[in-house]
Amino acid sequence: MSKVTPQKIIHKVVDETVDTIIDTIDEVLVDYMYEYGDYEESDNKFFDEKEEMFHSVITELYNRINK
């Protein structure tokens, strides 16, 4: 049996936390896009704009964290 090291636990916690944050950002972004945007369905325009907005959100988070 392999021993679970503190480093493995830290890596697992960080990885799971990042996955959760990304999933949450994606869900909230989609909710806001439908609430404030002019979207009736998820089409190519929607997905293209979602990718652009997602990138903008991550950039803004990075900037705020590194102030």
N, C-alpha and C. Protein backbone atom coordinates (compact mmCIF):
# COMPACT_ATOMS: atom_id res chain seq x y z
N MET A 1 0.84 -1.19 0.00
CA MET A 1 0.00 0.00 0.00
C MET A 1 0.87 1.24 0.00
N SER A 2 0.46 2.21 -0.81
CA SER A 2 1.22 3.45 -0.83
C SER A 2 0.76 4.36 0.29
N LYS A 3 1.70 5.02 0.84
CA LYS A 3 1.43 5.92 1.95
C LYS A 3 0.91 7.26 1.43
N VAL A 4 -0.13 7.78 2.06
CA VAL A 4 -0.65 9.09 1.69
C VAL A 4 0.18 10.13 2.43
N THR A 5 0.90 10.89 1.65
CA THR A 5 1.77 11.90 2.23
C THR A 5 1.02 13.22 2.37
N PRO A 6 1.51 14.09 3.24
CA PRO A 6 0.88 15.41 3.35
C PRO A 6 0.88 16.15 2.01
N GLN A 7 1.92 15.97 1.22
CA GLN A 7 1.98 16.63 -0.08
C GLN A 7 0.88 16.13 -1.01
N LYS A 8 0.58 14.83 -0.98
CA LYS A 8 -0.49 14.28 -1.80
C LYS A 8 -1.84 14.83 -1.35
N ILE A 9 -2.02 14.97 -0.05
CA ILE A 9 -3.27 15.51 0.48
C ILE A 9 -3.42 16.96 0.04
N ILE A 10 -2.36 17.74 0.16
CA ILE A 10 -2.40 19.15 -0.26
C ILE A 10 -2.74 19.24 -1.75
N HIS A 11 -2.09 18.43 -2.56
CA HIS A 11 -2.35 18.43 -4.00
C HIS A 11 -3.81 18.10 -4.29
N LYS A 12 -4.33 17.11 -3.61
CA LYS A 12 -5.73 16.68 -3.82
C LYS A 12 -6.69 17.80 -3.42
N VAL A 13 -6.46 18.43 -2.28
CA VAL A 13 -7.33 19.50 -1.81
C VAL A 13 -7.28 20.68 -2.78
N VAL A 14 -6.10 21.06 -3.21
CA VAL A 14 -5.95 22.18 -4.15
C VAL A 14 -6.64 21.84 -5.46
N ASP A 15 -6.41 20.66 -5.98
CA ASP A 15 -7.00 20.24 -7.25
C ASP A 15 -8.53 20.23 -7.18
N GLU A 16 -9.09 19.68 -6.13
CA GLU A 16 -10.54 19.63 -5.97
C GLU A 16 -11.12 21.03 -5.82
N THR A 17 -10.43 21.90 -5.08
CA THR A 17 -10.90 23.26 -4.88
C THR A 17 -10.91 24.02 -6.20
N VAL A 18 -9.85 23.91 -6.98
CA VAL A 18 -9.79 24.57 -8.28
C VAL A 18 -10.90 24.06 -9.20
N ASP A 19 -11.11 22.76 -9.24
CA ASP A 19 -12.19 22.19 -10.06
C ASP A 19 -13.55 22.76 -9.65
N THR A 20 -13.78 22.85 -8.35
CA THR A 20 -15.05 23.39 -7.85
C THR A 20 -15.22 24.85 -8.23
N ILE A 21 -14.16 25.63 -8.10
CA ILE A 21 -14.23 27.05 -8.44
C ILE A 21 -14.51 27.22 -9.94
N ILE A 22 -13.83 26.47 -10.77
CA ILE A 22 -14.05 26.56 -12.22
C ILE A 22 -15.47 26.16 -12.58
N ASP A 23 -15.96 25.09 -12.00
CA ASP A 23 -17.35 24.65 -12.26
C ASP A 23 -18.35 25.73 -11.83
N THR A 24 -18.11 26.33 -10.68
CA THR A 24 -19.01 27.37 -10.16
C THR A 24 -18.98 28.61 -11.05
N ILE A 25 -17.80 29.03 -11.47
CA ILE A 25 -17.69 30.17 -12.37
C ILE A 25 -18.46 29.89 -13.65
N ASP A 26 -18.30 28.72 -14.20
CA ASP A 26 -18.99 28.36 -15.43
C ASP A 26 -20.51 28.40 -15.25
N GLU A 27 -21.01 27.84 -14.18
CA GLU A 27 -22.45 27.81 -13.92
C GLU A 27 -23.01 29.22 -13.73
N VAL A 28 -22.32 30.04 -12.94
CA VAL A 28 -22.79 31.39 -12.67
C VAL A 28 -22.71 32.24 -13.94
N LEU A 29 -21.65 32.07 -14.71
CA LEU A 29 -21.51 32.81 -15.95
C LEU A 29 -22.67 32.51 -16.91
N VAL A 30 -23.01 31.25 -17.05
CA VAL A 30 -24.13 30.86 -17.92
C VAL A 30 -25.44 31.46 -17.40
N ASP A 31 -25.64 31.39 -16.08
CA ASP A 31 -26.86 31.99 -15.50
C ASP A 31 -26.94 33.48 -15.82
N TYR A 32 -25.85 34.20 -15.63
CA TYR A 32 -25.85 35.64 -15.90
C TYR A 32 -26.00 35.94 -17.39
N MET A 33 -25.41 35.10 -18.23
CA MET A 33 -25.55 35.32 -19.67
C MET A 33 -27.01 35.23 -20.09
N TYR A 34 -27.73 34.24 -19.57
CA TYR A 34 -29.15 34.12 -19.91
C TYR A 34 -29.98 35.22 -19.25
N GLU A 35 -29.59 35.65 -18.05
CA GLU A 35 -30.36 36.68 -17.35
C GLU A 35 -30.19 38.04 -18.01
N TYR A 36 -28.96 38.40 -18.37
CA TYR A 36 -28.70 39.74 -18.87
C TYR A 36 -28.48 39.82 -20.38
N GLY A 37 -28.21 38.71 -21.01
CA GLY A 37 -27.94 38.71 -22.44
C GLY A 37 -29.18 38.46 -23.25
N ASP A 38 -28.99 38.44 -24.55
CA ASP A 38 -30.10 38.21 -25.47
C ASP A 38 -29.94 36.82 -26.08
N TYR A 39 -30.02 35.80 -25.22
CA TYR A 39 -29.84 34.42 -25.66
C TYR A 39 -31.12 33.64 -25.42
N GLU A 40 -31.54 32.90 -26.42
CA GLU A 40 -32.71 32.05 -26.28
C GLU A 40 -32.32 30.58 -26.24
N GLU A 41 -31.13 30.29 -26.74
CA GLU A 41 -30.64 28.91 -26.73
C GLU A 41 -29.12 28.94 -26.75
N SER A 42 -28.54 27.82 -26.48
CA SER A 42 -27.09 27.70 -26.52
C SER A 42 -26.67 27.33 -27.94
N ASP A 43 -26.17 28.33 -28.66
CA ASP A 43 -25.72 28.10 -30.02
C ASP A 43 -24.24 28.50 -30.13
N ASN A 44 -23.72 28.52 -31.34
CA ASN A 44 -22.31 28.86 -31.53
C ASN A 44 -21.98 30.25 -31.00
N LYS A 45 -22.88 31.21 -31.22
CA LYS A 45 -22.67 32.57 -30.71
C LYS A 45 -22.58 32.55 -29.19
N PHE A 46 -23.49 31.83 -28.57
CA PHE A 46 -23.50 31.73 -27.11
C PHE A 46 -22.17 31.14 -26.61
N PHE A 47 -21.75 30.02 -27.19
CA PHE A 47 -20.54 29.37 -26.72
C PHE A 47 -19.29 30.20 -26.99
N ASP A 48 -19.25 30.89 -28.13
CA ASP A 48 -18.11 31.76 -28.42
C ASP A 48 -18.02 32.90 -27.42
N GLU A 49 -19.16 33.52 -27.14
CA GLU A 49 -19.18 34.63 -26.18
C GLU A 49 -18.90 34.13 -24.77
N LYS A 50 -19.38 32.94 -24.45
CA LYS A 50 -19.13 32.37 -23.12
C LYS A 50 -17.63 32.15 -22.92
N GLU A 51 -16.95 31.62 -23.92
CA GLU A 51 -15.51 31.41 -23.82
C GLU A 51 -14.78 32.73 -23.63
N GLU A 52 -15.20 33.75 -24.36
CA GLU A 52 -14.58 35.07 -24.23
C GLU A 52 -14.82 35.65 -22.84
N MET A 53 -16.05 35.53 -22.35
CA MET A 53 -16.37 36.05 -21.01
C MET A 53 -15.66 35.25 -19.93
N PHE A 54 -15.57 33.94 -20.10
CA PHE A 54 -14.88 33.11 -19.12
C PHE A 54 -13.42 33.55 -19.01
N HIS A 55 -12.79 33.78 -20.14
CA HIS A 55 -11.41 34.25 -20.15
C HIS A 55 -11.30 35.60 -19.43
N SER A 56 -12.26 36.49 -19.69
CA SER A 56 -12.26 37.80 -19.03
C SER A 56 -12.43 37.67 -17.52
N VAL A 57 -13.29 36.76 -17.09
CA VAL A 57 -13.50 36.54 -15.65
C VAL A 57 -12.21 36.04 -15.00
N ILE A 58 -11.56 35.08 -15.63
CA ILE A 58 -10.31 34.54 -15.07
C ILE A 58 -9.24 35.61 -15.02
N THR A 59 -9.16 36.43 -16.06
CA THR A 59 -8.18 37.52 -16.09
C THR A 59 -8.45 38.51 -14.97
N GLU A 60 -9.72 38.85 -14.76
CA GLU A 60 -10.08 39.79 -13.70
C GLU A 60 -9.77 39.20 -12.32
N LEU A 61 -10.07 37.92 -12.14
CA LEU A 61 -9.74 37.27 -10.86
C LEU A 61 -8.23 37.31 -10.62
N TYR A 62 -7.47 36.99 -11.64
CA TYR A 62 -6.00 37.01 -11.53
C TYR A 62 -5.52 38.41 -11.13
N ASN A 63 -6.06 39.42 -11.80
CA ASN A 63 -5.66 40.81 -11.50
C ASN A 63 -6.01 41.20 -10.08
N ARG A 64 -7.18 40.82 -9.62
CA ARG A 64 -7.59 41.18 -8.25
C ARG A 64 -6.77 40.45 -7.21
N ILE A 65 -6.44 39.21 -7.48
CA ILE A 65 -5.65 38.43 -6.53
C ILE A 65 -4.25 39.00 -6.42
N ASN A 66 -3.71 39.49 -7.52
CA ASN A 66 -2.32 39.94 -7.56
C ASN A 66 -2.15 41.44 -7.36
N LYS A 67 -3.17 42.11 -6.84
CA LYS A 67 -3.06 43.55 -6.54
C LYS A 67 -2.23 43.77 -5.33
